[in-house]
Amino acid sequence: MGLIVKILVVIIGFALLTVLTQIGGVVLLVTMGVMVYVQRSLQAKWLAPFLFLVIFSVLYSISSLLIVPPVAKHFGRVPMPWQGDVRPLNIATCLLNRHYVKPALREAVLASASAVRKKYPGTVTNYLDGCFPFYNGFPLMPHLSHNDGRKLDIAFFYTDVNGVKSDDSPSWIGYGVYEGPREHEEDYPLQCKAKGYWQYGILEQVASQRNKNRYKFDAQRTAYLVNVLSKQSAIHKIFIEPHLKTRLALSSPKIRYHGCQAVRHDDHIHVQL
């Protein structure tokens, strides 16, 4: 591999890991530095790629678990819980450091989830994307606004086809399986598409739809969660699709429409300080 190609690979790897995890690019560079010393005494050169992956994984894990959380506090951010009654729908959210929020937001969500669990015993509240641990303005792709620790997405509640509460979601990423408008409800997704906002429903093309019929949207528990969230003084805005706001009889002025420039919000709840 030529020098120019190697440099391009490193640049691309650094960029991708930084975009995906915020810290991965730096860990990549540190790993490369460690490998310089490892390779000097490595006789079986074919082991180098394997050792590189091992060293990167160990350094990344140590950074994410032991270094990032205390440093993030200096940026006014704390991690959401990894497990328990409030947890990520997909553990990759935490592994990629996408679960950091302001302490006030964490407390508001935990308190709201506790209220839901008290009314509906056994309920697990799953969160989706929050923010990265460091720096205001650092983008959390593909979101437009998750860049300051003040936003968090929360998954809807579902039951199985027999009406039994489920801890899961029809989408493994939590996005893209929509609870769309009914015939008599205002259809903002159709209106946005007609206006040329192609990205509005694009996640439906990304997320598998094969589990859609295995889950039923739990309107009762979801409405209760949104209402409880809206009563938290720290919560300033809640985004949910207008047809669901009407269907669930949600009346708080904090519950707003996000606009066609965003993506559909009939697959999750967006809350922010």
Protein backbone atom coordinates (compact mmCIF):
# COMPACT_ATOMS: atom_id res chain seq x y z
CA MET A 1 0.00 0.00 0.00
CA GLY A 2 1.47 3.33 -1.07
CA LEU A 3 2.09 6.15 1.35
CA ILE A 4 -0.63 8.36 -0.16
CA VAL A 5 -3.17 5.55 0.07
CA LYS A 6 -2.22 4.91 3.70
CA ILE A 7 -2.66 8.58 4.53
CA LEU A 8 -6.07 8.63 2.82
CA VAL A 9 -7.15 5.51 4.74
CA VAL A 10 -6.13 7.11 8.04
CA ILE A 11 -7.91 10.37 7.20
CA ILE A 12 -11.10 8.56 6.19
CA GLY A 13 -10.94 6.30 9.24
CA PHE A 14 -10.34 9.25 11.56
CA ALA A 15 -13.25 11.18 10.03
CA LEU A 16 -15.70 8.28 10.16
CA LEU A 17 -14.86 7.29 13.73
CA THR A 18 -15.08 10.91 14.86
CA VAL A 19 -18.46 11.41 13.21
CA LEU A 20 -19.79 8.14 14.62
CA THR A 21 -18.41 8.29 18.17
CA GLN A 22 -16.72 11.69 18.69
CA ILE A 23 -13.73 10.04 20.39
CA GLY A 24 -13.01 7.19 17.97
CA GLY A 25 -10.73 9.22 15.71
CA VAL A 26 -8.45 10.17 18.59
CA VAL A 27 -8.40 6.57 19.82
CA LEU A 28 -7.41 5.50 16.31
CA LEU A 29 -4.40 7.82 16.33
CA VAL A 30 -3.33 6.63 19.78
CA THR A 31 -3.67 3.02 18.65
CA MET A 32 -1.46 3.73 15.64
CA GLY A 33 1.17 5.19 17.96
CA VAL A 34 1.05 2.12 20.22
CA MET A 35 1.35 -0.17 17.19
CA VAL A 36 4.61 1.49 16.19
CA TYR A 37 6.21 0.09 19.35
CA VAL A 38 4.36 -3.24 19.18
CA GLN A 39 5.47 -3.97 15.63
CA ARG A 40 9.15 -3.47 16.49
CA SER A 41 9.11 -6.64 18.58
CA LEU A 42 6.43 -8.50 16.65
CA GLN A 43 7.86 -11.44 14.77
CA ALA A 44 4.62 -12.77 13.27
CA LYS A 45 3.69 -9.77 11.14
CA TRP A 46 0.39 -11.35 10.14
CA LEU A 47 -0.80 -10.77 13.70
CA ALA A 48 -0.54 -7.00 13.31
CA PRO A 49 -4.12 -6.38 12.04
CA PHE A 50 -5.55 -8.56 14.81
CA LEU A 51 -3.48 -6.80 17.48
CA PHE A 52 -4.52 -3.45 16.05
CA LEU A 53 -8.21 -4.31 16.48
CA VAL A 54 -7.61 -5.63 20.01
CA ILE A 55 -5.64 -2.57 21.11
CA PHE A 56 -8.16 -0.19 19.53
CA SER A 57 -11.08 -2.00 21.21
CA VAL A 58 -9.39 -1.98 24.62
CA LEU A 59 -8.41 1.70 24.40
CA TYR A 60 -11.84 2.68 23.12
CA SER A 61 -13.59 0.75 25.91
CA ILE A 62 -11.37 2.25 28.60
CA SER A 63 -11.93 5.72 27.17
CA SER A 64 -15.71 5.35 26.93
CA LEU A 65 -16.20 3.75 30.33
CA LEU A 66 -13.58 5.43 32.52
CA ILE A 67 -12.34 8.63 30.88
CA VAL A 68 -15.25 10.14 28.96
CA PRO A 69 -17.87 10.27 31.78
CA PRO A 70 -15.82 12.39 34.23
CA VAL A 71 -14.52 14.64 31.45
CA ALA A 72 -18.06 15.08 30.10
CA LYS A 73 -19.09 16.55 33.47
CA HIS A 74 -16.84 19.51 32.73
CA PHE A 75 -18.96 20.07 29.62
CA GLY A 76 -22.12 19.87 31.71
CA ARG A 77 -23.20 16.46 30.43
CA VAL A 78 -23.88 13.11 32.03
CA PRO A 79 -24.66 9.69 30.53
CA MET A 80 -28.12 8.19 30.53
CA PRO A 81 -28.33 4.79 32.27
CA TRP A 82 -27.04 1.74 30.43
CA GLN A 83 -29.53 -0.63 32.05
CA GLY A 84 -32.52 -0.75 34.37
CA ASP A 85 -36.02 0.64 33.97
CA VAL A 86 -34.64 3.45 31.79
CA ARG A 87 -32.20 2.15 29.22
CA PRO A 88 -31.18 2.40 25.58
CA LEU A 89 -33.33 0.57 23.08
CA ASN A 90 -30.10 -0.44 21.38
CA ILE A 91 -26.88 -0.78 23.39
CA ALA A 92 -24.99 0.64 20.41
CA THR A 93 -26.31 4.05 21.48
CA CYS A 94 -24.08 3.87 24.55
CA LEU A 95 -21.18 2.16 22.81
CA LEU A 96 -21.08 5.05 20.34
CA ASN A 97 -21.31 7.69 23.11
CA ARG A 98 -24.63 9.03 21.82
CA HIS A 99 -26.35 8.95 25.22
CA TYR A 100 -25.06 12.10 26.93
CA VAL A 101 -27.41 14.85 28.12
CA LYS A 102 -27.55 17.74 30.57
CA PRO A 103 -28.20 16.60 34.18
CA ALA A 104 -31.55 18.42 34.25
CA LEU A 105 -32.75 16.49 31.21
CA ARG A 106 -31.62 13.18 32.65
CA GLU A 107 -33.45 13.87 35.90
CA ALA A 108 -36.63 14.98 34.12
CA VAL A 109 -36.69 11.82 31.99
CA LEU A 110 -35.93 9.53 34.94
CA ALA A 111 -38.67 11.14 37.02
CA SER A 112 -41.16 10.85 34.16
CA ALA A 113 -40.27 7.22 33.54
CA SER A 114 -40.69 6.51 37.25
CA ALA A 115 -44.18 8.01 37.15
CA VAL A 116 -45.09 5.83 34.16
CA ARG A 117 -43.72 2.74 35.88
CA LYS A 118 -45.75 3.54 39.01
CA LYS A 119 -48.97 3.76 36.98
CA TYR A 120 -48.07 0.89 34.65
CA PRO A 121 -45.90 -1.56 36.65
CA GLY A 122 -43.18 -3.31 34.72
CA THR A 123 -42.82 -0.57 32.12
CA VAL A 124 -39.35 -0.04 30.69
CA THR A 125 -38.68 3.33 29.07
CA ASN A 126 -36.27 3.08 26.16
CA TYR A 127 -34.35 6.09 24.97
CA LEU A 128 -32.76 6.56 21.57
CA ASP A 129 -30.24 9.25 20.59
CA GLY A 130 -29.16 11.93 23.02
CA CYS A 131 -25.97 13.88 22.31
CA PHE A 132 -22.21 13.40 22.30
CA PRO A 133 -20.29 14.09 25.54
CA PHE A 134 -18.24 17.11 24.44
CA TYR A 135 -18.60 20.54 22.82
CA ASN A 136 -21.71 22.46 21.85
CA GLY A 137 -22.26 22.49 18.12
CA PHE A 138 -20.58 19.13 17.44
CA PRO A 139 -23.13 17.38 15.19
CA LEU A 140 -24.74 14.08 16.06
CA MET A 141 -25.52 12.77 12.60
CA PRO A 142 -28.10 12.55 11.12
CA HIS A 143 -29.88 14.84 13.60
CA LEU A 144 -30.20 18.57 13.00
CA SER A 145 -30.19 19.71 16.62
CA HIS A 146 -28.74 17.03 18.93
CA ASN A 147 -25.53 18.98 19.47
CA ASP A 148 -25.70 20.60 22.91
CA GLY A 149 -26.76 17.99 25.47
CA ARG A 150 -30.26 19.45 25.66
CA LYS A 151 -32.11 16.91 23.51
CA LEU A 152 -33.10 13.28 23.85
CA ASP A 153 -35.28 10.98 21.77
CA ILE A 154 -37.49 8.44 23.53
CA ALA A 155 -39.07 5.38 21.94
CA PHE A 156 -42.81 4.86 21.86
CA PHE A 157 -44.36 2.15 24.01
CA TYR A 158 -45.69 -0.96 22.30
CA THR A 159 -47.54 -4.16 23.07
CA ASP A 160 -47.44 -7.44 21.23
CA VAL A 161 -50.38 -8.54 19.11
CA ASN A 162 -52.05 -10.00 22.21
CA GLY A 163 -51.87 -6.70 24.07
CA VAL A 164 -49.04 -7.71 26.41
CA LYS A 165 -46.62 -4.87 27.23
CA SER A 166 -43.39 -5.11 25.28
CA ASP A 167 -39.95 -3.76 26.20
CA ASP A 168 -38.99 -3.74 22.55
CA SER A 169 -39.75 -1.80 19.38
CA PRO A 170 -40.64 -2.81 15.81
CA SER A 171 -37.47 -1.04 14.68
CA TRP A 172 -34.11 -2.21 16.03
CA ILE A 173 -32.81 1.35 15.81
CA GLY A 174 -36.02 2.83 17.23
CA TYR A 175 -36.66 4.98 14.17
CA GLY A 176 -38.37 4.42 10.84
CA VAL A 177 -41.42 2.30 11.67
CA TYR A 178 -44.17 4.90 11.72
CA GLU A 179 -47.54 5.13 13.43
CA GLY A 180 -48.92 6.96 10.43
CA PRO A 181 -51.97 9.18 10.00
CA ARG A 182 -55.39 7.60 9.70
CA GLU A 183 -57.84 8.62 7.00
CA HIS A 184 -59.48 11.37 9.05
CA GLU A 185 -56.21 12.75 10.49
CA GLU A 186 -54.11 15.54 9.05
CA ASP A 187 -51.28 14.05 7.02
CA TYR A 188 -48.17 16.17 7.52
CA PRO A 189 -45.88 13.48 6.04
CA LEU A 190 -47.83 13.67 2.77
CA GLN A 191 -47.83 17.46 2.85
CA CYS A 192 -44.08 17.65 3.46
CA LYS A 193 -43.39 15.16 0.69
CA ALA A 194 -45.53 17.22 -1.70
CA LYS A 195 -43.46 20.28 -0.82
CA GLY A 196 -40.28 18.49 -1.84
CA TYR A 197 -38.91 17.54 1.58
CA TRP A 198 -37.63 14.14 0.46
CA GLN A 199 -35.86 13.41 3.77
CA TYR A 200 -39.02 13.67 5.88
CA GLY A 201 -39.89 9.97 5.67
CA ILE A 202 -36.57 8.55 4.52
CA LEU A 203 -36.01 6.47 7.65
CA GLU A 204 -38.78 4.16 6.51
CA GLN A 205 -36.46 3.17 3.68
CA VAL A 206 -33.62 2.52 6.13
CA ALA A 207 -35.37 0.60 8.89
CA SER A 208 -36.75 -2.87 8.25
CA GLN A 209 -40.55 -3.04 8.28
CA ARG A 210 -40.79 -6.80 8.78
CA ASN A 211 -41.68 -6.54 12.48
CA LYS A 212 -44.30 -3.83 12.08
CA ASN A 213 -47.26 -6.20 12.36
CA ARG A 214 -45.79 -7.90 15.42
CA TYR A 215 -46.17 -4.78 17.56
CA LYS A 216 -49.09 -2.51 18.38
CA PHE A 217 -48.60 1.13 19.29
CA ASP A 218 -49.48 1.56 22.97
CA ALA A 219 -51.35 4.85 22.81
CA GLN A 220 -52.32 4.85 26.48
CA ARG A 221 -48.86 4.53 27.98
CA THR A 222 -47.24 6.77 25.36
CA ALA A 223 -49.80 9.53 25.96
CA TYR A 224 -49.24 9.28 29.70
CA LEU A 225 -45.47 9.56 29.28
CA VAL A 226 -45.78 12.63 27.05
CA ASN A 227 -48.16 14.29 29.50
CA VAL A 228 -45.84 13.60 32.43
CA LEU A 229 -42.86 14.91 30.47
CA SER A 230 -44.75 18.07 29.60
CA LYS A 231 -45.33 18.77 33.30
CA GLN A 232 -41.60 18.69 34.07
CA SER A 233 -40.48 22.29 34.54
CA ALA A 234 -37.10 21.58 32.92
CA ILE A 235 -38.69 20.38 29.68
CA HIS A 236 -39.19 23.22 27.20
CA LYS A 237 -40.25 21.45 24.00
CA ILE A 238 -41.63 18.08 22.97
CA PHE A 239 -41.85 17.11 19.31
CA ILE A 240 -44.37 14.55 18.12
CA GLU A 241 -46.27 14.29 14.87
CA PRO A 242 -49.45 16.47 14.87
CA HIS A 243 -51.80 13.59 14.03
CA LEU A 244 -50.60 11.77 17.16
CA LYS A 245 -50.95 14.87 19.28
CA THR A 246 -54.60 14.99 18.20
CA ARG A 247 -55.18 11.25 18.50
CA LEU A 248 -53.67 11.07 21.99
CA ALA A 249 -55.52 14.21 23.13
CA LEU A 250 -52.29 15.98 24.08
CA SER A 251 -52.87 19.63 24.88
CA SER A 252 -49.71 21.03 26.47
CA PRO A 253 -48.31 24.07 24.64
CA LYS A 254 -44.86 22.47 25.02
CA ILE A 255 -45.88 19.86 22.46
CA ARG A 256 -45.07 21.35 19.07
CA TYR A 257 -44.63 20.58 15.41
CA HIS A 258 -40.99 20.29 14.32
CA GLY A 259 -41.41 21.32 10.68
CA CYS A 260 -40.87 19.67 7.30
CA GLN A 261 -37.13 20.37 7.40
CA ALA A 262 -36.72 17.63 10.03
CA VAL A 263 -37.87 14.00 9.86
CA ARG A 264 -41.10 12.34 10.92
CA HIS A 265 -41.85 12.11 14.61
CA ASP A 266 -44.50 9.41 14.60
CA ASP A 267 -41.89 6.83 15.56
CA HIS A 268 -40.41 8.54 18.63
CA ILE A 269 -40.72 11.44 21.09
CA HIS A 270 -38.20 14.26 21.03
CA VAL A 271 -37.76 16.10 24.35
CA GLN A 272 -35.48 19.03 25.07
CA LEU A 273 -34.63 21.53 27.77
